[in-house]
């Protein structure tokens, strides 16, 4: 969830890390690290957090009566 009080630590959205590729990040404090890694120096940066896309609604289960007034 995006607005939890307690954020899970991850280098992918840490203020000290910059993404290099799909698997690695460059950390100011630790050097080259895994993108899903974590450490005690974690500082949350909400601008780096990419929210999960919501599931598409399946309209096949609805009839035309459901959409009429």
PDB file of N, CA and C in Angstrom:
ATOM      1  N   UNK A   1       0.820  -1.181   0.000  1.00  0.00           N
ATOM      2  CA  UNK A   1       0.000   0.000   0.000  1.00  0.00           C
ATOM      3  C   UNK A   1       0.869   1.251   0.000  1.00  0.00           C
ATOM      4  N   UNK A   2       0.395   2.292  -0.585  1.00  0.00           N
ATOM      5  CA  UNK A   2       1.190   3.497  -0.762  1.00  0.00           C
ATOM      6  C   UNK A   2       1.256   4.356   0.494  1.00  0.00           C
ATOM      7  N   UNK A   3       0.184   4.421   1.261  1.00  0.00           N
ATOM      8  CA  UNK A   3       0.124   5.335   2.395  1.00  0.00           C
ATOM      9  C   UNK A   3       0.140   4.621   3.741  1.00  0.00           C
ATOM     10  N   UNK A   4       0.924   3.593   3.884  1.00  0.00           N
ATOM     11  CA  UNK A   4       1.064   2.906   5.159  1.00  0.00           C
ATOM     12  C   UNK A   4       1.881   3.752   6.116  1.00  0.00           C
ATOM     13  N   UNK A   5       1.639   3.607   7.411  1.00  0.00           N
ATOM     14  CA  UNK A   5       2.435   4.302   8.414  1.00  0.00           C
ATOM     15  C   UNK A   5       3.839   3.722   8.460  1.00  0.00           C
ATOM     16  N   UNK A   6       3.949   2.410   8.334  1.00  0.00           N
ATOM     17  CA  UNK A   6       5.237   1.731   8.400  1.00  0.00           C
ATOM     18  C   UNK A   6       5.610   1.247   7.002  1.00  0.00           C
ATOM     19  N   UNK A   7       6.619   1.850   6.405  1.00  0.00           N
ATOM     20  CA  UNK A   7       7.051   1.525   5.048  1.00  0.00           C
ATOM     21  C   UNK A   7       8.113   0.424   5.106  1.00  0.00           C
ATOM     22  N   UNK A   8       7.957  -0.586   4.261  1.00  0.00           N
ATOM     23  CA  UNK A   8       8.954  -1.646   4.177  1.00  0.00           C
ATOM     24  C   UNK A   8      10.232  -1.072   3.568  1.00  0.00           C
ATOM     25  N   UNK A   9      11.365  -1.394   4.146  1.00  0.00           N
ATOM     26  CA  UNK A   9      12.640  -0.895   3.639  1.00  0.00           C
ATOM     27  C   UNK A   9      12.992  -1.578   2.324  1.00  0.00           C
ATOM     28  N   UNK A  10      13.383  -0.777   1.345  1.00  0.00           N
ATOM     29  CA  UNK A  10      13.818  -1.289   0.051  1.00  0.00           C
ATOM     30  C   UNK A  10      14.678  -0.226  -0.628  1.00  0.00           C
ATOM     31  N   UNK A  11      15.779  -0.646  -1.197  1.00  0.00           N
ATOM     32  CA  UNK A  11      16.669   0.293  -1.879  1.00  0.00           C
ATOM     33  C   UNK A  11      16.003   0.931  -3.096  1.00  0.00           C
ATOM     34  N   UNK A  12      14.948   0.315  -3.617  1.00  0.00           N
ATOM     35  CA  UNK A  12      14.293   0.853  -4.800  1.00  0.00           C
ATOM     36  C   UNK A  12      13.634   2.202  -4.546  1.00  0.00           C
ATOM     37  N   UNK A  13      13.257   2.507  -3.313  1.00  0.00           N
ATOM     38  CA  UNK A  13      12.688   3.822  -3.008  1.00  0.00           C
ATOM     39  C   UNK A  13      13.350   4.481  -1.800  1.00  0.00           C
ATOM     40  N   UNK A  14      14.664   4.339  -1.729  1.00  0.00           N
ATOM     41  CA  UNK A  14      15.471   5.003  -0.705  1.00  0.00           C
ATOM     42  C   UNK A  14      16.025   6.312  -1.272  1.00  0.00           C
ATOM     43  N   UNK A  15      16.138   7.326  -0.438  1.00  0.00           N
ATOM     44  CA  UNK A  15      16.634   8.634  -0.874  1.00  0.00           C
ATOM     45  C   UNK A  15      18.108   8.581  -1.265  1.00  0.00           C
ATOM     46  N   UNK A  16      18.859   7.632  -0.740  1.00  0.00           N
ATOM     47  CA  UNK A  16      20.286   7.537  -1.014  1.00  0.00           C
ATOM     48  C   UNK A  16      20.616   6.740  -2.267  1.00  0.00           C
ATOM     49  N   UNK A  17      19.647   6.058  -2.868  1.00  0.00           N
ATOM     50  CA  UNK A  17      19.910   5.179  -4.015  1.00  0.00           C
ATOM     51  C   UNK A  17      19.446   5.776  -5.331  1.00  0.00           C
ATOM     52  N   UNK A  18      20.167   5.410  -6.374  1.00  0.00           N
ATOM     53  CA  UNK A  18      19.811   5.748  -7.744  1.00  0.00           C
ATOM     54  C   UNK A  18      19.812   4.456  -8.550  1.00  0.00           C
ATOM     55  N   UNK A  19      18.753   4.215  -9.268  1.00  0.00           N
ATOM     56  CA  UNK A  19      18.606   2.974 -10.018  1.00  0.00           C
ATOM     57  C   UNK A  19      19.590   2.934 -11.184  1.00  0.00           C
ATOM     58  N   UNK A  20      20.360   1.845 -11.287  1.00  0.00           N
ATOM     59  CA  UNK A  20      21.294   1.644 -12.400  1.00  0.00           C
ATOM     60  C   UNK A  20      20.649   0.846 -13.523  1.00  0.00           C
ATOM     61  N   UNK A  21      20.049  -0.290 -13.169  1.00  0.00           N
ATOM     62  CA  UNK A  21      19.345  -1.138 -14.121  1.00  0.00           C
ATOM     63  C   UNK A  21      18.208  -1.832 -13.368  1.00  0.00           C
ATOM     64  N   UNK A  22      17.652  -2.894 -13.934  1.00  0.00           N
ATOM     65  CA  UNK A  22      16.509  -3.571 -13.314  1.00  0.00           C
ATOM     66  C   UNK A  22      16.857  -4.320 -12.035  1.00  0.00           C
ATOM     67  N   UNK A  23      18.128  -4.581 -11.789  1.00  0.00           N
ATOM     68  CA  UNK A  23      18.523  -5.390 -10.638  1.00  0.00           C
ATOM     69  C   UNK A  23      19.426  -4.662  -9.654  1.00  0.00           C
ATOM     70  N   UNK A  24      20.080  -3.575 -10.057  1.00  0.00           N
ATOM     71  CA  UNK A  24      21.064  -2.923  -9.210  1.00  0.00           C
ATOM     72  C   UNK A  24      20.775  -1.440  -9.040  1.00  0.00           C
ATOM     73  N   UNK A  25      21.286  -0.906  -7.908  1.00  0.00           N
ATOM     74  CA  UNK A  25      21.177   0.522  -7.620  1.00  0.00           C
ATOM     75  C   UNK A  25      22.509   1.007  -7.071  1.00  0.00           C
ATOM     76  N   UNK A  26      22.767   2.288  -7.226  1.00  0.00           N
ATOM     77  CA  UNK A  26      23.974   2.899  -6.694  1.00  0.00           C
ATOM     78  C   UNK A  26      23.587   3.696  -5.453  1.00  0.00           C
ATOM     79  N   UNK A  27      24.138   3.291  -4.313  1.00  0.00           N
ATOM     80  CA  UNK A  27      23.824   3.914  -3.029  1.00  0.00           C
ATOM     81  C   UNK A  27      24.982   4.827  -2.612  1.00  0.00           C
ATOM     82  N   UNK A  28      24.650   6.001  -2.104  1.00  0.00           N
ATOM     83  CA  UNK A  28      25.673   6.928  -1.626  1.00  0.00           C
ATOM     84  C   UNK A  28      26.407   6.345  -0.430  1.00  0.00           C
ATOM     85  N   UNK A  29      25.709   5.623   0.410  1.00  0.00           N
ATOM     86  CA  UNK A  29      26.272   5.076   1.642  1.00  0.00           C
ATOM     87  C   UNK A  29      26.963   3.721   1.458  1.00  0.00           C
ATOM     88  N   UNK A  30      26.418   2.848   0.591  1.00  0.00           N
ATOM     89  CA  UNK A  30      26.882   1.460   0.504  1.00  0.00           C
ATOM     90  C   UNK A  30      27.512   1.077  -0.829  1.00  0.00           C
ATOM     91  N   UNK A  31      27.442   1.915  -1.858  1.00  0.00           N
ATOM     92  CA  UNK A  31      27.984   1.560  -3.168  1.00  0.00           C
ATOM     93  C   UNK A  31      26.933   0.861  -4.021  1.00  0.00           C
ATOM     94  N   UNK A  32      27.342  -0.085  -4.840  1.00  0.00           N
ATOM     95  CA  UNK A  32      26.425  -0.829  -5.697  1.00  0.00           C
ATOM     96  C   UNK A  32      25.712  -1.885  -4.853  1.00  0.00           C
ATOM     97  N   UNK A  33      24.385  -1.849  -4.856  1.00  0.00           N
ATOM     98  CA  UNK A  33      23.566  -2.770  -4.065  1.00  0.00           C
ATOM     99  C   UNK A  33      22.462  -3.345  -4.942  1.00  0.00           C
ATOM    100  N   UNK A  34      21.821  -4.410  -4.441  1.00  0.00           N
ATOM    101  CA  UNK A  34      20.661  -4.966  -5.128  1.00  0.00           C
ATOM    102  C   UNK A  34      19.483  -4.020  -4.956  1.00  0.00           C
ATOM    103  N   UNK A  35      18.628  -3.950  -5.956  1.00  0.00           N
ATOM    104  CA  UNK A  35      17.501  -3.035  -5.919  1.00  0.00           C
ATOM    105  C   UNK A  35      16.482  -3.403  -4.847  1.00  0.00           C
ATOM    106  N   UNK A  36      16.352  -4.692  -4.535  1.00  0.00           N
ATOM    107  CA  UNK A  36      15.416  -5.114  -3.500  1.00  0.00           C
ATOM    108  C   UNK A  36      16.100  -5.276  -2.141  1.00  0.00           C
ATOM    109  N   UNK A  37      17.330  -4.805  -2.010  1.00  0.00           N
ATOM    110  CA  UNK A  37      18.054  -4.883  -0.743  1.00  0.00           C
ATOM    111  C   UNK A  37      17.561  -3.852   0.254  1.00  0.00           C
ATOM    112  N   UNK A  38      18.140  -3.877   1.455  1.00  0.00           N
ATOM    113  CA  UNK A  38      17.771  -2.910   2.485  1.00  0.00           C
ATOM    114  C   UNK A  38      18.916  -2.788   3.484  1.00  0.00           C
ATOM    115  N   UNK A  39      18.978  -1.648   4.186  1.00  0.00           N
ATOM    116  CA  UNK A  39      20.002  -1.456   5.204  1.00  0.00           C
ATOM    117  C   UNK A  39      19.488  -0.482   6.272  1.00  0.00           C
ATOM    118  N   UNK A  40      20.305  -0.234   7.275  1.00  0.00           N
ATOM    119  CA  UNK A  40      19.896   0.638   8.378  1.00  0.00           C
ATOM    120  C   UNK A  40      19.886   2.113   7.990  1.00  0.00           C
ATOM    121  N   UNK A  41      20.521   2.476   6.901  1.00  0.00           N
ATOM    122  CA  UNK A  41      20.602   3.873   6.459  1.00  0.00           C
ATOM    123  C   UNK A  41      19.385   4.296   5.628  1.00  0.00           C
ATOM    124  N   UNK A  42      18.380   3.443   5.522  1.00  0.00           N
ATOM    125  CA  UNK A  42      17.198   3.692   4.692  1.00  0.00           C
ATOM    126  C   UNK A  42      16.489   4.989   5.081  1.00  0.00           C
ATOM    127  N   UNK A  43      16.240   5.830   4.061  1.00  0.00           N
ATOM    128  CA  UNK A  43      15.434   7.043   4.211  1.00  0.00           C
ATOM    129  C   UNK A  43      14.405   7.009   3.091  1.00  0.00           C
ATOM    130  N   UNK A  44      13.134   7.019   3.452  1.00  0.00           N
ATOM    131  CA  UNK A  44      12.046   6.891   2.485  1.00  0.00           C
ATOM    132  C   UNK A  44      11.919   8.133   1.606  1.00  0.00           C
ATOM    133  N   UNK A  45      11.856   7.922   0.287  1.00  0.00           N
ATOM    134  CA  UNK A  45      11.621   8.988  -0.672  1.00  0.00           C
ATOM    135  C   UNK A  45      10.325   8.663  -1.421  1.00  0.00           C
ATOM    136  N   UNK A  46       9.214   9.327  -1.095  1.00  0.00           N
ATOM    137  CA  UNK A  46       7.927   8.978  -1.712  1.00  0.00           C
ATOM    138  C   UNK A  46       7.873   9.215  -3.212  1.00  0.00           C
ATOM    139  N   UNK A  47       8.738  10.048  -3.749  1.00  0.00           N
ATOM    140  CA  UNK A  47       8.738  10.305  -5.189  1.00  0.00           C
ATOM    141  C   UNK A  47       9.276   9.118  -5.988  1.00  0.00           C
ATOM    142  N   UNK A  48      10.029   8.242  -5.364  1.00  0.00           N
ATOM    143  CA  UNK A  48      10.577   7.071  -6.048  1.00  0.00           C
ATOM    144  C   UNK A  48       9.636   5.876  -5.993  1.00  0.00           C
ATOM    145  N   UNK A  49       8.629   5.941  -5.183  1.00  0.00           N
ATOM    146  CA  UNK A  49       7.693   4.827  -5.011  1.00  0.00           C
ATOM    147  C   UNK A  49       6.738   4.781  -6.190  1.00  0.00           C
ATOM    148  N   UNK A  50       6.637   3.648  -6.850  1.00  0.00           N
ATOM    149  CA  UNK A  50       5.724   3.461  -7.973  1.00  0.00           C
ATOM    150  C   UNK A  50       4.567   2.601  -7.476  1.00  0.00           C
ATOM    151  N   UNK A  51       3.341   3.173  -7.409  1.00  0.00           N
ATOM    152  CA  UNK A  51       2.210   2.400  -6.897  1.00  0.00           C
ATOM    153  C   UNK A  51       1.831   1.258  -7.831  1.00  0.00           C
ATOM    154  N   UNK A  52       1.280   0.214  -7.269  1.00  0.00           N
ATOM    155  CA  UNK A  52       0.838  -0.942  -8.033  1.00  0.00           C
ATOM    156  C   UNK A  52      -0.408  -0.553  -8.820  1.00  0.00           C
ATOM    157  N   UNK A  53      -0.452  -0.937 -10.089  1.00  0.00           N
ATOM    158  CA  UNK A  53      -1.620  -0.622 -10.906  1.00  0.00           C
ATOM    159  C   UNK A  53      -2.821  -1.438 -10.436  1.00  0.00           C
ATOM    160  N   UNK A  54      -4.013  -0.819 -10.370  1.00  0.00           N
ATOM    161  CA  UNK A  54      -5.196  -1.570  -9.963  1.00  0.00           C
ATOM    162  C   UNK A  54      -5.588  -2.583 -11.038  1.00  0.00           C
ATOM    163  N   UNK A  55      -6.230  -3.644 -10.608  1.00  0.00           N
ATOM    164  CA  UNK A  55      -6.678  -4.666 -11.549  1.00  0.00           C
ATOM    165  C   UNK A  55      -7.785  -4.110 -12.427  1.00  0.00           C
ATOM    166  N   UNK A  56      -7.802  -4.537 -13.664  1.00  0.00           N
ATOM    167  CA  UNK A  56      -8.850  -4.111 -14.592  1.00  0.00           C
ATOM    168  C   UNK A  56     -10.171  -4.768 -14.201  1.00  0.00           C
ATOM    169  N   UNK A  57     -11.256  -4.023 -14.329  1.00  0.00           N
ATOM    170  CA  UNK A  57     -12.578  -4.529 -13.977  1.00  0.00           C
ATOM    171  C   UNK A  57     -13.086  -5.402 -15.117  1.00  0.00           C
ATOM    172  N   UNK A  58     -13.633  -6.555 -14.761  1.00  0.00           N
ATOM    173  CA  UNK A  58     -14.191  -7.469 -15.750  1.00  0.00           C
ATOM    174  C   UNK A  58     -15.667  -7.124 -15.942  1.00  0.00           C
ATOM    175  N   UNK A  59     -15.987  -6.485 -17.074  1.00  0.00           N
ATOM    176  CA  UNK A  59     -17.358  -6.069 -17.348  1.00  0.00           C
ATOM    177  C   UNK A  59     -18.188  -7.186 -17.967  1.00  0.00           C
ATOM    178  N   UNK A  60     -17.616  -8.335 -18.212  1.00  0.00           N
ATOM    179  CA  UNK A  60     -18.355  -9.454 -18.814  1.00  0.00           C
ATOM    180  C   UNK A  60     -19.436  -9.996 -17.883  1.00  0.00           C
ATOM    181  N   UNK A  61     -19.236  -9.830 -16.589  1.00  0.00           N
ATOM    182  CA  UNK A  61     -20.204 -10.381 -15.633  1.00  0.00           C
ATOM    183  C   UNK A  61     -21.427  -9.479 -15.446  1.00  0.00           C
ATOM    184  N   UNK A  62     -21.434  -8.281 -16.049  1.00  0.00           N
ATOM    185  CA  UNK A  62     -22.561  -7.364 -15.949  1.00  0.00           C
ATOM    186  C   UNK A  62     -23.434  -7.442 -17.187  1.00  0.00           C
ATOM    187  N   UNK A  63     -24.725  -7.203 -16.998  1.00  0.00           N
ATOM    188  CA  UNK A  63     -25.673  -7.168 -18.115  1.00  0.00           C
ATOM    189  C   UNK A  63     -25.916  -5.717 -18.509  1.00  0.00           C
ATOM    190  N   UNK A  64     -26.618  -5.512 -19.609  1.00  0.00           N
ATOM    191  CA  UNK A  64     -26.944  -4.158 -20.037  1.00  0.00           C
ATOM    192  C   UNK A  64     -27.925  -3.496 -19.058  1.00  0.00           C
ATOM    193  N   UNK A  65     -28.683  -4.306 -18.319  1.00  0.00           N
ATOM    194  CA  UNK A  65     -29.614  -3.767 -17.304  1.00  0.00           C
ATOM    195  C   UNK A  65     -28.849  -3.080 -16.172  1.00  0.00           C
ATOM    196  N   UNK A  66     -27.656  -3.530 -15.881  1.00  0.00           N
ATOM    197  CA  UNK A  66     -26.868  -2.931 -14.810  1.00  0.00           C
ATOM    198  C   UNK A  66     -26.421  -1.517 -15.148  1.00  0.00           C
ATOM    199  N   UNK A  67     -26.365  -1.188 -16.433  1.00  0.00           N
ATOM    200  CA  UNK A  67     -25.896   0.125 -16.869  1.00  0.00           C
ATOM    201  C   UNK A  67     -27.022   1.071 -17.271  1.00  0.00           C
ATOM    202  N   UNK A  68     -28.254   0.649 -17.130  1.00  0.00           N
ATOM    203  CA  UNK A  68     -29.386   1.514 -17.483  1.00  0.00           C
ATOM    204  C   UNK A  68     -30.020   2.094 -16.233  1.00  0.00           C
ATOM    205  N   UNK A  69     -30.670   3.238 -16.425  1.00  0.00           N
ATOM    206  CA  UNK A  69     -31.334   3.900 -15.299  1.00  0.00           C
ATOM    207  C   UNK A  69     -32.775   3.540 -15.190  1.00  0.00           C
TER     208      UNK A  69
END
